[in-house]
Amino acid sequence: MQTHKMRRAAWTLAIGLVIAGVAAGAARAAPASAPPIATDDMPMADYLGLLARIAPAAEEGARHYLLAFQQRCGRPLATADLRRAMSDGDGDPVLMAMIRASHLRDAAALTRLGSSVACDRGAAR
């Protein structure tokens, strides 16, 4: 039951982030003659800022996930790849578990989960 609630919350968050990303892109867009800004180009800081406003535990969990990815894989994770980890299907199970652990303030679980982050999340752009 709790897993279903977390999946639904993650899905709702992902939809909200897509809407917020499009709105932010439109707000930053130059004159009508310029091509629209792709949401895949959203800086990581902006994406994490949106997460912090919507769900602080999601932002904290994402930061732990990013750090674990950097440490395990030796490269940063692109914003687009983090967005996919949040929203593809039910979300990356490790990321979803890190969000839950952040919500529960479970530092031991965050440390344990960090060693489970997969490096096949795509290349940094």
PDB file of N, CA and C in Angstrom:
ATOM      1  N   MET A   1       0.828  -1.189   0.000  1.00  0.00           N
ATOM      2  CA  MET A   1       0.000   0.000   0.000  1.00  0.00           C
ATOM      3  C   MET A   1       0.873   1.253   0.000  1.00  0.00           C
ATOM      4  N   GLN A   2       1.911   1.274   0.837  1.00  0.00           N
ATOM      5  CA  GLN A   2       2.801   2.427   0.930  1.00  0.00           C
ATOM      6  C   GLN A   2       3.559   2.612  -0.381  1.00  0.00           C
ATOM      7  N   THR A   3       3.980   1.498  -1.023  1.00  0.00           N
ATOM      8  CA  THR A   3       4.678   1.583  -2.292  1.00  0.00           C
ATOM      9  C   THR A   3       3.784   2.201  -3.357  1.00  0.00           C
ATOM     10  N   HIS A   4       2.514   1.798  -3.372  1.00  0.00           N
ATOM     11  CA  HIS A   4       1.566   2.355  -4.330  1.00  0.00           C
ATOM     12  C   HIS A   4       1.419   3.864  -4.127  1.00  0.00           C
ATOM     13  N   LYS A   5       1.359   4.304  -2.884  1.00  0.00           N
ATOM     14  CA  LYS A   5       1.250   5.739  -2.597  1.00  0.00           C
ATOM     15  C   LYS A   5       2.490   6.478  -3.071  1.00  0.00           C
ATOM     16  N   MET A   6       3.665   5.890  -2.862  1.00  0.00           N
ATOM     17  CA  MET A   6       4.911   6.527  -3.296  1.00  0.00           C
ATOM     18  C   MET A   6       4.959   6.608  -4.823  1.00  0.00           C
ATOM     19  N   ARG A   7       4.518   5.548  -5.500  1.00  0.00           N
ATOM     20  CA  ARG A   7       4.513   5.564  -6.962  1.00  0.00           C
ATOM     21  C   ARG A   7       3.556   6.632  -7.476  1.00  0.00           C
ATOM     22  N   ARG A   8       2.376   6.715  -6.870  1.00  0.00           N
ATOM     23  CA  ARG A   8       1.400   7.713  -7.290  1.00  0.00           C
ATOM     24  C   ARG A   8       1.953   9.115  -7.031  1.00  0.00           C
ATOM     25  N   ALA A   9       2.601   9.302  -5.889  1.00  0.00           N
ATOM     26  CA  ALA A   9       3.181  10.611  -5.574  1.00  0.00           C
ATOM     27  C   ALA A   9       4.294  10.953  -6.562  1.00  0.00           C
ATOM     28  N   ALA A  10       5.128   9.977  -6.896  1.00  0.00           N
ATOM     29  CA  ALA A  10       6.211  10.211  -7.852  1.00  0.00           C
ATOM     30  C   ALA A  10       5.650  10.549  -9.231  1.00  0.00           C
ATOM     31  N   TRP A  11       4.604   9.851  -9.637  1.00  0.00           N
ATOM     32  CA  TRP A  11       3.972  10.113 -10.926  1.00  0.00           C
ATOM     33  C   TRP A  11       3.388  11.524 -10.945  1.00  0.00           C
ATOM     34  N   THR A  12       2.685  11.900  -9.892  1.00  0.00           N
ATOM     35  CA  THR A  12       2.107  13.236  -9.795  1.00  0.00           C
ATOM     36  C   THR A  12       3.210  14.284  -9.828  1.00  0.00           C
ATOM     37  N   LEU A  13       4.292  14.018  -9.114  1.00  0.00           N
ATOM     38  CA  LEU A  13       5.430  14.928  -9.101  1.00  0.00           C
ATOM     39  C   LEU A  13       6.020  15.070 -10.496  1.00  0.00           C
ATOM     40  N   ALA A  14       6.176  13.958 -11.197  1.00  0.00           N
ATOM     41  CA  ALA A  14       6.755  13.999 -12.541  1.00  0.00           C
ATOM     42  C   ALA A  14       5.889  14.825 -13.480  1.00  0.00           C
ATOM     43  N   ILE A  15       4.581  14.647 -13.414  1.00  0.00           N
ATOM     44  CA  ILE A  15       3.677  15.425 -14.259  1.00  0.00           C
ATOM     45  C   ILE A  15       3.791  16.905 -13.925  1.00  0.00           C
ATOM     46  N   GLY A  16       3.812  17.212 -12.629  1.00  0.00           N
ATOM     47  CA  GLY A  16       3.951  18.598 -12.204  1.00  0.00           C
ATOM     48  C   GLY A  16       5.256  19.210 -12.680  1.00  0.00           C
ATOM     49  N   LEU A  17       6.324  18.422 -12.661  1.00  0.00           N
ATOM     50  CA  LEU A  17       7.618  18.931 -13.097  1.00  0.00           C
ATOM     51  C   LEU A  17       7.642  19.183 -14.599  1.00  0.00           C
ATOM     52  N   VAL A  18       6.987  18.327 -15.344  1.00  0.00           N
ATOM     53  CA  VAL A  18       6.917  18.547 -16.790  1.00  0.00           C
ATOM     54  C   VAL A  18       6.171  19.856 -17.067  1.00  0.00           C
ATOM     55  N   ILE A  19       5.042  20.036 -16.399  1.00  0.00           N
ATOM     56  CA  ILE A  19       4.263  21.266 -16.577  1.00  0.00           C
ATOM     57  C   ILE A  19       5.088  22.476 -16.140  1.00  0.00           C
ATOM     58  N   ALA A  20       5.738  22.371 -14.994  1.00  0.00           N
ATOM     59  CA  ALA A  20       6.553  23.477 -14.502  1.00  0.00           C
ATOM     60  C   ALA A  20       7.724  23.760 -15.440  1.00  0.00           C
ATOM     61  N   GLY A  21       8.326  22.709 -15.976  1.00  0.00           N
ATOM     62  CA  GLY A  21       9.443  22.882 -16.906  1.00  0.00           C
ATOM     63  C   GLY A  21       9.014  23.587 -18.175  1.00  0.00           C
ATOM     64  N   VAL A  22       7.868  23.206 -18.695  1.00  0.00           N
ATOM     65  CA  VAL A  22       7.351  23.860 -19.898  1.00  0.00           C
ATOM     66  C   VAL A  22       7.025  25.322 -19.596  1.00  0.00           C
ATOM     67  N   ALA A  23       6.404  25.560 -18.448  1.00  0.00           N
ATOM     68  CA  ALA A  23       6.065  26.936 -18.067  1.00  0.00           C
ATOM     69  C   ALA A  23       7.326  27.766 -17.875  1.00  0.00           C
ATOM     70  N   ALA A  24       8.323  27.198 -17.228  1.00  0.00           N
ATOM     71  CA  ALA A  24       9.578  27.925 -17.019  1.00  0.00           C
ATOM     72  C   ALA A  24      10.256  28.214 -18.348  1.00  0.00           C
ATOM     73  N   GLY A  25      10.212  27.242 -19.263  1.00  0.00           N
ATOM     74  CA  GLY A  25      10.799  27.438 -20.589  1.00  0.00           C
ATOM     75  C   GLY A  25      10.083  28.535 -21.343  1.00  0.00           C
ATOM     76  N   ALA A  26       8.778  28.565 -21.239  1.00  0.00           N
ATOM     77  CA  ALA A  26       7.994  29.595 -21.921  1.00  0.00           C
ATOM     78  C   ALA A  26       8.282  30.968 -21.318  1.00  0.00           C
ATOM     79  N   ALA A  27       8.439  31.023 -20.010  1.00  0.00           N
ATOM     80  CA  ALA A  27       8.703  32.297 -19.337  1.00  0.00           C
ATOM     81  C   ALA A  27      10.073  32.843 -19.715  1.00  0.00           C
ATOM     82  N   ARG A  28      11.037  31.953 -19.961  1.00  0.00           N
ATOM     83  CA  ARG A  28      12.388  32.384 -20.304  1.00  0.00           C
ATOM     84  C   ARG A  28      12.566  32.578 -21.798  1.00  0.00           C
ATOM     85  N   ALA A  29      11.603  32.167 -22.572  1.00  0.00           N
ATOM     86  CA  ALA A  29      11.743  32.208 -24.026  1.00  0.00           C
ATOM     87  C   ALA A  29      11.985  33.635 -24.511  1.00  0.00           C
ATOM     88  N   ALA A  30      12.780  33.720 -25.551  1.00  0.00           N
ATOM     89  CA  ALA A  30      13.079  34.996 -26.174  1.00  0.00           C
ATOM     90  C   ALA A  30      11.905  35.394 -27.076  1.00  0.00           C
ATOM     91  N   PRO A  31      12.067  36.384 -27.911  1.00  0.00           N
ATOM     92  CA  PRO A  31      10.993  36.792 -28.807  1.00  0.00           C
ATOM     93  C   PRO A  31      10.431  35.622 -29.598  1.00  0.00           C
ATOM     94  N   ALA A  32       9.235  35.801 -30.145  1.00  0.00           N
ATOM     95  CA  ALA A  32       8.511  34.741 -30.823  1.00  0.00           C
ATOM     96  C   ALA A  32       9.305  34.118 -31.961  1.00  0.00           C
ATOM     97  N   SER A  33      10.263  34.802 -32.543  1.00  0.00           N
ATOM     98  CA  SER A  33      11.023  34.261 -33.658  1.00  0.00           C
ATOM     99  C   SER A  33      12.074  33.256 -33.217  1.00  0.00           C
ATOM    100  N   ALA A  34      12.433  33.262 -31.947  1.00  0.00           N
ATOM    101  CA  ALA A  34      13.449  32.330 -31.441  1.00  0.00           C
ATOM    102  C   ALA A  34      12.817  30.961 -31.210  1.00  0.00           C
ATOM    103  N   PRO A  35      13.591  29.887 -31.418  1.00  0.00           N
ATOM    104  CA  PRO A  35      13.045  28.551 -31.168  1.00  0.00           C
ATOM    105  C   PRO A  35      12.774  28.372 -29.673  1.00  0.00           C
ATOM    106  N   PRO A  36      11.758  27.567 -29.330  1.00  0.00           N
ATOM    107  CA  PRO A  36      11.462  27.354 -27.915  1.00  0.00           C
ATOM    108  C   PRO A  36      12.598  26.635 -27.211  1.00  0.00           C
ATOM    109  N   ILE A  37      12.726  26.891 -25.932  1.00  0.00           N
ATOM    110  CA  ILE A  37      13.752  26.242 -25.119  1.00  0.00           C
ATOM    111  C   ILE A  37      13.276  24.843 -24.783  1.00  0.00           C
ATOM    112  N   ALA A  38      14.085  23.850 -25.086  1.00  0.00           N
ATOM    113  CA  ALA A  38      13.715  22.459 -24.780  1.00  0.00           C
ATOM    114  C   ALA A  38      13.855  22.226 -23.289  1.00  0.00           C
ATOM    115  N   THR A  39      12.901  21.510 -22.702  1.00  0.00           N
ATOM    116  CA  THR A  39      12.969  21.252 -21.265  1.00  0.00           C
ATOM    117  C   THR A  39      14.134  20.333 -20.920  1.00  0.00           C
ATOM    118  N   ASP A  40      14.694  19.593 -21.912  1.00  0.00           N
ATOM    119  CA  ASP A  40      15.866  18.765 -21.644  1.00  0.00           C
ATOM    120  C   ASP A  40      17.087  19.623 -21.332  1.00  0.00           C
ATOM    121  N   ASP A  41      17.015  20.915 -21.698  1.00  0.00           N
ATOM    122  CA  ASP A  41      18.130  21.818 -21.452  1.00  0.00           C
ATOM    123  C   ASP A  41      18.041  22.499 -20.089  1.00  0.00           C
ATOM    124  N   MET A  42      17.046  22.146 -19.284  1.00  0.00           N
ATOM    125  CA  MET A  42      16.871  22.769 -17.979  1.00  0.00           C
ATOM    126  C   MET A  42      18.097  22.482 -17.111  1.00  0.00           C
ATOM    127  N   PRO A  43      18.675  23.513 -16.540  1.00  0.00           N
ATOM    128  CA  PRO A  43      19.824  23.285 -15.645  1.00  0.00           C
ATOM    129  C   PRO A  43      19.407  22.456 -14.423  1.00  0.00           C
ATOM    130  N   MET A  44      20.339  21.660 -13.946  1.00  0.00           N
ATOM    131  CA  MET A  44      20.063  20.800 -12.801  1.00  0.00           C
ATOM    132  C   MET A  44      19.606  21.617 -11.600  1.00  0.00           C
ATOM    133  N   ALA A  45      20.222  22.767 -11.371  1.00  0.00           N
ATOM    134  CA  ALA A  45      19.845  23.600 -10.220  1.00  0.00           C
ATOM    135  C   ALA A  45      18.386  24.032 -10.308  1.00  0.00           C
ATOM    136  N   ASP A  46      17.918  24.364 -11.510  1.00  0.00           N
ATOM    137  CA  ASP A  46      16.512  24.741 -11.687  1.00  0.00           C
ATOM    138  C   ASP A  46      15.589  23.567 -11.404  1.00  0.00           C
ATOM    139  N   TYR A  47      15.967  22.400 -11.917  1.00  0.00           N
ATOM    140  CA  TYR A  47      15.152  21.201 -11.712  1.00  0.00           C
ATOM    141  C   TYR A  47      15.064  20.852 -10.226  1.00  0.00           C
ATOM    142  N   LEU A  48      16.203  20.898  -9.547  1.00  0.00           N
ATOM    143  CA  LEU A  48      16.206  20.600  -8.114  1.00  0.00           C
ATOM    144  C   LEU A  48      15.437  21.665  -7.335  1.00  0.00           C
ATOM    145  N   GLY A  49      15.510  22.904  -7.794  1.00  0.00           N
ATOM    146  CA  GLY A  49      14.734  23.968  -7.157  1.00  0.00           C
ATOM    147  C   GLY A  49      13.240  23.717  -7.265  1.00  0.00           C
ATOM    148  N   LEU A  50      12.797  23.248  -8.424  1.00  0.00           N
ATOM    149  CA  LEU A  50      11.384  22.899  -8.591  1.00  0.00           C
ATOM    150  C   LEU A  50      11.000  21.749  -7.670  1.00  0.00           C
ATOM    151  N   LEU A  51      11.864  20.753  -7.607  1.00  0.00           N
ATOM    152  CA  LEU A  51      11.596  19.631  -6.710  1.00  0.00           C
ATOM    153  C   LEU A  51      11.471  20.110  -5.268  1.00  0.00           C
ATOM    154  N   ALA A  52      12.360  20.986  -4.859  1.00  0.00           N
ATOM    155  CA  ALA A  52      12.340  21.483  -3.477  1.00  0.00           C
ATOM    156  C   ALA A  52      11.033  22.186  -3.156  1.00  0.00           C
ATOM    157  N   ARG A  53      10.501  22.912  -4.129  1.00  0.00           N
ATOM    158  CA  ARG A  53       9.227  23.611  -3.914  1.00  0.00           C
ATOM    159  C   ARG A  53       8.049  22.658  -3.852  1.00  0.00           C
ATOM    160  N   ILE A  54       8.086  21.622  -4.669  1.00  0.00           N
ATOM    161  CA  ILE A  54       6.966  20.691  -4.764  1.00  0.00           C
ATOM    162  C   ILE A  54       7.017  19.639  -3.657  1.00  0.00           C
ATOM    163  N   ALA A  55       8.189  19.056  -3.466  1.00  0.00           N
ATOM    164  CA  ALA A  55       8.343  17.976  -2.489  1.00  0.00           C
ATOM    165  C   ALA A  55       9.783  17.963  -1.982  1.00  0.00           C
ATOM    166  N   PRO A  56      10.030  18.581  -0.835  1.00  0.00           N
ATOM    167  CA  PRO A  56      11.403  18.646  -0.315  1.00  0.00           C
ATOM    168  C   PRO A  56      12.092  17.283  -0.184  1.00  0.00           C
ATOM    169  N   ALA A  57      11.359  16.255   0.182  1.00  0.00           N
ATOM    170  CA  ALA A  57      11.979  14.928   0.299  1.00  0.00           C
ATOM    171  C   ALA A  57      12.425  14.417  -1.069  1.00  0.00           C
ATOM    172  N   ALA A  58      11.682  14.749  -2.110  1.00  0.00           N
ATOM    173  CA  ALA A  58      12.068  14.338  -3.460  1.00  0.00           C
ATOM    174  C   ALA A  58      13.357  15.034  -3.877  1.00  0.00           C
ATOM    175  N   GLU A  59      13.469  16.305  -3.550  1.00  0.00           N
ATOM    176  CA  GLU A  59      14.685  17.048  -3.869  1.00  0.00           C
ATOM    177  C   GLU A  59      15.878  16.477  -3.102  1.00  0.00           C
ATOM    178  N   GLU A  60      15.687  16.202  -1.833  1.00  0.00           N
ATOM    179  CA  GLU A  60      16.784  15.650  -1.033  1.00  0.00           C
ATOM    180  C   GLU A  60      17.179  14.261  -1.533  1.00  0.00           C
ATOM    181  N   GLY A  61      16.192  13.428  -1.815  1.00  0.00           N
ATOM    182  CA  GLY A  61      16.476  12.095  -2.351  1.00  0.00           C
ATOM    183  C   GLY A  61      17.190  12.171  -3.687  1.00  0.00           C
ATOM    184  N   ALA A  62      16.770  13.103  -4.539  1.00  0.00           N
ATOM    185  CA  ALA A  62      17.417  13.279  -5.839  1.00  0.00           C
ATOM    186  C   ALA A  62      18.868  13.720  -5.667  1.00  0.00           C
ATOM    187  N   ARG A  63      19.128  14.596  -4.711  1.00  0.00           N
ATOM    188  CA  ARG A  63      20.509  15.036  -4.464  1.00  0.00           C
ATOM    189  C   ARG A  63      21.386  13.855  -4.011  1.00  0.00           C
ATOM    190  N   HIS A  64      20.849  13.007  -3.152  1.00  0.00           N
ATOM    191  CA  HIS A  64      21.595  11.818  -2.723  1.00  0.00           C
ATOM    192  C   HIS A  64      21.842  10.888  -3.914  1.00  0.00           C
ATOM    193  N   TYR A  65      20.845  10.745  -4.759  1.00  0.00           N
ATOM    194  CA  TYR A  65      20.959   9.904  -5.955  1.00  0.00           C
ATOM    195  C   TYR A  65      22.043  10.458  -6.885  1.00  0.00           C
ATOM    196  N   LEU A  66      22.035  11.778  -7.102  1.00  0.00           N
ATOM    197  CA  LEU A  66      23.035  12.413  -7.956  1.00  0.00           C
ATOM    198  C   LEU A  66      24.444  12.223  -7.404  1.00  0.00           C
ATOM    199  N   LEU A  67      24.591  12.385  -6.115  1.00  0.00           N
ATOM    200  CA  LEU A  67      25.896  12.209  -5.482  1.00  0.00           C
ATOM    201  C   LEU A  67      26.367  10.760  -5.610  1.00  0.00           C
ATOM    202  N   ALA A  68      25.473   9.820  -5.350  1.00  0.00           N
ATOM    203  CA  ALA A  68      25.824   8.403  -5.466  1.00  0.00           C
ATOM    204  C   ALA A  68      26.190   8.060  -6.906  1.00  0.00           C
ATOM    205  N   PHE A  69      25.447   8.605  -7.866  1.00  0.00           N
ATOM    206  CA  PHE A  69      25.751   8.360  -9.275  1.00  0.00           C
ATOM    207  C   PHE A  69      27.142   8.886  -9.611  1.00  0.00           C
ATOM    208  N   GLN A  70      27.442  10.103  -9.181  1.00  0.00           N
ATOM    209  CA  GLN A  70      28.757  10.703  -9.441  1.00  0.00           C
ATOM    210  C   GLN A  70      29.875   9.851  -8.841  1.00  0.00           C
ATOM    211  N   GLN A  71      29.683   9.403  -7.612  1.00  0.00           N
ATOM    212  CA  GLN A  71      30.712   8.619  -6.936  1.00  0.00           C
ATOM    213  C   GLN A  71      30.900   7.244  -7.576  1.00  0.00           C
ATOM    214  N   ARG A  72      29.805   6.588  -7.923  1.00  0.00           N
ATOM    215  CA  ARG A  72      29.889   5.236  -8.485  1.00  0.00           C
ATOM    216  C   ARG A  72      30.302   5.236  -9.950  1.00  0.00           C
ATOM    217  N   CYS A  73      29.838   6.211 -10.697  1.00  0.00           N
ATOM    218  CA  CYS A  73      30.001   6.185 -12.141  1.00  0.00           C
ATOM    219  C   CYS A  73      31.091   7.109 -12.660  1.00  0.00           C
ATOM    220  N   GLY A  74      31.554   8.022 -11.796  1.00  0.00           N
ATOM    221  CA  GLY A  74      32.641   8.907 -12.180  1.00  0.00           C
ATOM    222  C   GLY A  74      32.255  10.015 -13.131  1.00  0.00           C
ATOM    223  N   ARG A  75      30.986  10.307 -13.220  1.00  0.00           N
ATOM    224  CA  ARG A  75      30.501  11.385 -14.078  1.00  0.00           C
ATOM    225  C   ARG A  75      29.170  11.885 -13.529  1.00  0.00           C
ATOM    226  N   PRO A  76      28.822  13.114 -13.869  1.00  0.00           N
ATOM    227  CA  PRO A  76      27.534  13.633 -13.392  1.00  0.00           C
ATOM    228  C   PRO A  76      26.377  13.060 -14.210  1.00  0.00           C
ATOM    229  N   LEU A  77      25.223  13.055 -13.624  1.00  0.00           N
ATOM    230  CA  LEU A  77      24.002  12.630 -14.310  1.00  0.00           C
ATOM    231  C   LEU A  77      23.351  13.875 -14.916  1.00  0.00           C
ATOM    232  N   ALA A  78      22.960  13.807 -16.159  1.00  0.00           N
ATOM    233  CA  ALA A  78      22.310  14.934 -16.833  1.00  0.00           C
ATOM    234  C   ALA A  78      20.904  15.133 -16.275  1.00  0.00           C
ATOM    235  N   THR A  79      20.425  16.354 -16.358  1.00  0.00           N
ATOM    236  CA  THR A  79      19.079  16.681 -15.887  1.00  0.00           C
ATOM    237  C   THR A  79      18.033  15.814 -16.568  1.00  0.00           C
ATOM    238  N   ALA A  80      18.160  15.645 -17.876  1.00  0.00           N
ATOM    239  CA  ALA A  80      17.189  14.832 -18.619  1.00  0.00           C
ATOM    240  C   ALA A  80      17.170  13.391 -18.099  1.00  0.00           C
ATOM    241  N   ASP A  81      18.340  12.873 -17.739  1.00  0.00           N
ATOM    242  CA  ASP A  81      18.410  11.502 -17.227  1.00  0.00           C
ATOM    243  C   ASP A  81      17.782  11.399 -15.838  1.00  0.00           C
ATOM    244  N   LEU A  82      17.964  12.414 -15.010  1.00  0.00           N
ATOM    245  CA  LEU A  82      17.311  12.412 -13.698  1.00  0.00           C
ATOM    246  C   LEU A  82      15.796  12.501 -13.875  1.00  0.00           C
ATOM    247  N   ARG A  83      15.356  13.334 -14.800  1.00  0.00           N
ATOM    248  CA  ARG A  83      13.914  13.443 -15.055  1.00  0.00           C
ATOM    249  C   ARG A  83      13.347  12.100 -15.498  1.00  0.00           C
ATOM    250  N   ARG A  84      14.068  11.398 -16.360  1.00  0.00           N
ATOM    251  CA  ARG A  84      13.604  10.070 -16.794  1.00  0.00           C
ATOM    252  C   ARG A  84      13.604   9.084 -15.626  1.00  0.00           C
ATOM    253  N   ALA A  85      14.613   9.171 -14.767  1.00  0.00           N
ATOM    254  CA  ALA A  85      14.666   8.286 -13.600  1.00  0.00           C
ATOM    255  C   ALA A  85      13.460   8.522 -12.692  1.00  0.00           C
ATOM    256  N   MET A  86      12.983   9.755 -12.655  1.00  0.00           N
ATOM    257  CA  MET A  86      11.801  10.101 -11.858  1.00  0.00           C
ATOM    258  C   MET A  86      10.516   9.591 -12.490  1.00  0.00           C
ATOM    259  N   SER A  87      10.441   9.678 -13.807  1.00  0.00           N
ATOM    260  CA  SER A  87       9.135   9.524 -14.446  1.00  0.00           C
ATOM    261  C   SER A  87       8.925   8.292 -15.307  1.00  0.00           C
ATOM    262  N   ASP A  88       9.965   7.624 -15.749  1.00  0.00           N
ATOM    263  CA  ASP A  88       9.767   6.441 -16.589  1.00  0.00           C
ATOM    264  C   ASP A  88       9.104   5.327 -15.797  1.00  0.00           C
ATOM    265  N   GLY A  89       7.970   4.883 -16.281  1.00  0.00           N
ATOM    266  CA  GLY A  89       7.237   3.819 -15.592  1.00  0.00           C
ATOM    267  C   GLY A  89       6.900   4.237 -14.175  1.00  0.00           C
ATOM    268  N   ASP A  90       7.329   3.439 -13.232  1.00  0.00           N
ATOM    269  CA  ASP A  90       7.117   3.749 -11.812  1.00  0.00           C
ATOM    270  C   ASP A  90       8.296   4.511 -11.220  1.00  0.00           C
ATOM    271  N   GLY A  91       9.234   4.894 -12.065  1.00  0.00           N
ATOM    272  CA  GLY A  91      10.428   5.581 -11.587  1.00  0.00           C
ATOM    273  C   GLY A  91      11.523   4.584 -11.248  1.00  0.00           C
ATOM    274  N   ASP A  92      12.755   5.049 -11.247  1.00  0.00           N
ATOM    275  CA  ASP A  92      13.877   4.197 -10.876  1.00  0.00           C
ATOM    276  C   ASP A  92      13.665   3.749  -9.433  1.00  0.00           C
ATOM    277  N   PRO A  93      13.632   2.435  -9.188  1.00  0.00           N
ATOM    278  CA  PRO A  93      13.354   1.955  -7.827  1.00  0.00           C
ATOM    279  C   PRO A  93      14.336   2.470  -6.773  1.00  0.00           C
ATOM    280  N   VAL A  94      15.594   2.627  -7.151  1.00  0.00           N
ATOM    281  CA  VAL A  94      16.590   3.131  -6.196  1.00  0.00           C
ATOM    282  C   VAL A  94      16.295   4.593  -5.873  1.00  0.00           C
ATOM    283  N   LEU A  95      16.000   5.385  -6.888  1.00  0.00           N
ATOM    284  CA  LEU A  95      15.672   6.795  -6.665  1.00  0.00           C
ATOM    285  C   LEU A  95      14.411   6.917  -5.809  1.00  0.00           C
ATOM    286  N   MET A  96      13.394   6.136  -6.114  1.00  0.00           N
ATOM    287  CA  MET A  96      12.150   6.197  -5.339  1.00  0.00           C
ATOM    288  C   MET A  96      12.406   5.806  -3.878  1.00  0.00           C
ATOM    289  N   ALA A  97      13.258   4.803  -3.681  1.00  0.00           N
ATOM    290  CA  ALA A  97      13.600   4.385  -2.316  1.00  0.00           C
ATOM    291  C   ALA A  97      14.407   5.474  -1.599  1.00  0.00           C
ATOM    292  N   MET A  98      15.259   6.173  -2.343  1.00  0.00           N
ATOM    293  CA  MET A  98      16.031   7.264  -1.736  1.00  0.00           C
ATOM    294  C   MET A  98      15.120   8.423  -1.342  1.00  0.00           C
ATOM    295  N   ILE A  99      14.110   8.685  -2.152  1.00  0.00           N
ATOM    296  CA  ILE A  99      13.142   9.728  -1.800  1.00  0.00           C
ATOM    297  C   ILE A  99      12.409   9.337  -0.525  1.00  0.00           C
ATOM    298  N   ARG A 100      11.997   8.090  -0.448  1.00  0.00           N
ATOM    299  CA  ARG A 100      11.306   7.606   0.756  1.00  0.00           C
ATOM    300  C   ARG A 100      12.225   7.685   1.974  1.00  0.00           C
ATOM    301  N   ALA A 101      13.477   7.251   1.806  1.00  0.00           N
ATOM    302  CA  ALA A 101      14.432   7.307   2.920  1.00  0.00           C
ATOM    303  C   ALA A 101      14.673   8.752   3.356  1.00  0.00           C
ATOM    304  N   SER A 102      14.701   9.672   2.409  1.00  0.00           N
ATOM    305  CA  SER A 102      14.857  11.086   2.751  1.00  0.00           C
ATOM    306  C   SER A 102      13.664  11.571   3.551  1.00  0.00           C
ATOM    307  N   HIS A 103      12.483  11.161   3.124  1.00  0.00           N
ATOM    308  CA  HIS A 103      11.265  11.541   3.842  1.00  0.00           C
ATOM    309  C   HIS A 103      11.286  11.004   5.278  1.00  0.00           C
ATOM    310  N   LEU A 104      11.792   9.783   5.445  1.00  0.00           N
ATOM    311  CA  LEU A 104      11.845   9.152   6.765  1.00  0.00           C
ATOM    312  C   LEU A 104      13.092   9.540   7.558  1.00  0.00           C
ATOM    313  N   ARG A 105      13.976  10.326   6.927  1.00  0.00           N
ATOM    314  CA  ARG A 105      15.243  10.733   7.561  1.00  0.00           C
ATOM    315  C   ARG A 105      16.082   9.507   7.950  1.00  0.00           C
ATOM    316  N   ASP A 106      16.129   8.539   7.046  1.00  0.00           N
ATOM    317  CA  ASP A 106      16.833   7.283   7.274  1.00  0.00           C
ATOM    318  C   ASP A 106      18.197   7.326   6.582  1.00  0.00           C
ATOM    319  N   ALA A 107      19.182   7.869   7.277  1.00  0.00           N
ATOM    320  CA  ALA A 107      20.523   8.031   6.715  1.00  0.00           C
ATOM    321  C   ALA A 107      21.160   6.692   6.361  1.00  0.00           C
ATOM    322  N   ALA A 108      20.917   5.671   7.156  1.00  0.00           N
ATOM    323  CA  ALA A 108      21.491   4.346   6.877  1.00  0.00           C
ATOM    324  C   ALA A 108      20.953   3.801   5.557  1.00  0.00           C
ATOM    325  N   ALA A 109      19.668   3.966   5.327  1.00  0.00           N
ATOM    326  CA  ALA A 109      19.075   3.489   4.067  1.00  0.00           C
ATOM    327  C   ALA A 109      19.643   4.273   2.888  1.00  0.00           C
ATOM    328  N   LEU A 110      19.827   5.585   3.038  1.00  0.00           N
ATOM    329  CA  LEU A 110      20.394   6.388   1.961  1.00  0.00           C
ATOM    330  C   LEU A 110      21.799   5.909   1.607  1.00  0.00           C
ATOM    331  N   THR A 111      22.590   5.612   2.606  1.00  0.00           N
ATOM    332  CA  THR A 111      23.947   5.117   2.377  1.00  0.00           C
ATOM    333  C   THR A 111      23.907   3.766   1.674  1.00  0.00           C
ATOM    334  N   ARG A 112      23.068   2.883   2.163  1.00  0.00           N
ATOM    335  CA  ARG A 112      22.938   1.539   1.578  1.00  0.00           C
ATOM    336  C   ARG A 112      22.446   1.630   0.130  1.00  0.00           C
ATOM    337  N   LEU A 113      21.461   2.454  -0.118  1.00  0.00           N
ATOM    338  CA  LEU A 113      20.902   2.592  -1.463  1.00  0.00           C
ATOM    339  C   LEU A 113      21.898   3.206  -2.441  1.00  0.00           C
ATOM    340  N   GLY A 114      22.771   4.068  -1.935  1.00  0.00           N
ATOM    341  CA  GLY A 114      23.768   4.693  -2.797  1.00  0.00           C
ATOM    342  C   GLY A 114      24.638   3.687  -3.532  1.00  0.00           C
ATOM    343  N   SER A 115      24.873   2.549  -2.907  1.00  0.00           N
ATOM    344  CA  SER A 115      25.695   1.520  -3.556  1.00  0.00           C
ATOM    345  C   SER A 115      24.923   0.725  -4.595  1.00  0.00           C
ATOM    346  N   SER A 116      23.631   1.008  -4.728  1.00  0.00           N
ATOM    347  CA  SER A 116      22.784   0.301  -5.701  1.00  0.00           C
ATOM    348  C   SER A 116      22.488   1.125  -6.959  1.00  0.00           C
ATOM    349  N   VAL A 117      22.966   2.353  -7.010  1.00  0.00           N
ATOM    350  CA  VAL A 117      22.706   3.207  -8.160  1.00  0.00           C
ATOM    351  C   VAL A 117      23.390   2.617  -9.391  1.00  0.00           C
ATOM    352  N   ALA A 118      22.629   2.486 -10.483  1.00  0.00           N
ATOM    353  CA  ALA A 118      23.177   1.918 -11.732  1.00  0.00           C
ATOM    354  C   ALA A 118      23.812   3.006 -12.572  1.00  0.00           C
ATOM    355  N   CYS A 119      24.883   2.657 -13.260  1.00  0.00           N
ATOM    356  CA  CYS A 119      25.604   3.617 -14.093  1.00  0.00           C
ATOM    357  C   CYS A 119      25.102   3.647 -15.539  1.00  0.00           C
ATOM    358  N   ASP A 120      24.120   2.874 -15.865  1.00  0.00           N
ATOM    359  CA  ASP A 120      23.641   2.821 -17.249  1.00  0.00           C
ATOM    360  C   ASP A 120      22.519   3.817 -17.506  1.00  0.00           C
ATOM    361  N   ARG A 121      22.449   4.893 -16.753  1.00  0.00           N
ATOM    362  CA  ARG A 121      21.403   5.912 -16.847  1.00  0.00           C
ATOM    363  C   ARG A 121      21.597   6.862 -18.002  1.00  0.00           C
ATOM    364  N   GLY A 122      22.500   6.654 -18.880  1.00  0.00           N
ATOM    365  CA  GLY A 122      22.714   7.587 -19.986  1.00  0.00           C
ATOM    366  C   GLY A 122      23.962   8.400 -19.757  1.00  0.00           C
ATOM    367  N   ALA A 123      24.453   8.982 -20.804  1.00  0.00           N
ATOM    368  CA  ALA A 123      25.692   9.767 -20.703  1.00  0.00           C
ATOM    369  C   ALA A 123      25.393  11.208 -20.355  1.00  0.00           C
ATOM    370  N   ALA A 124      26.305  11.828 -19.656  1.00  0.00           N
ATOM    371  CA  ALA A 124      26.167  13.256 -19.340  1.00  0.00           C
ATOM    372  C   ALA A 124      26.211  14.040 -20.637  1.00  0.00           C
ATOM    373  N   ARG A 125      25.399  15.060 -20.712  1.00  0.00           N
ATOM    374  CA  ARG A 125      25.325  15.859 -21.938  1.00  0.00           C
ATOM    375  C   ARG A 125      25.972  17.199 -21.725  1.00  0.00           C
TER     376      ARG A 125
END
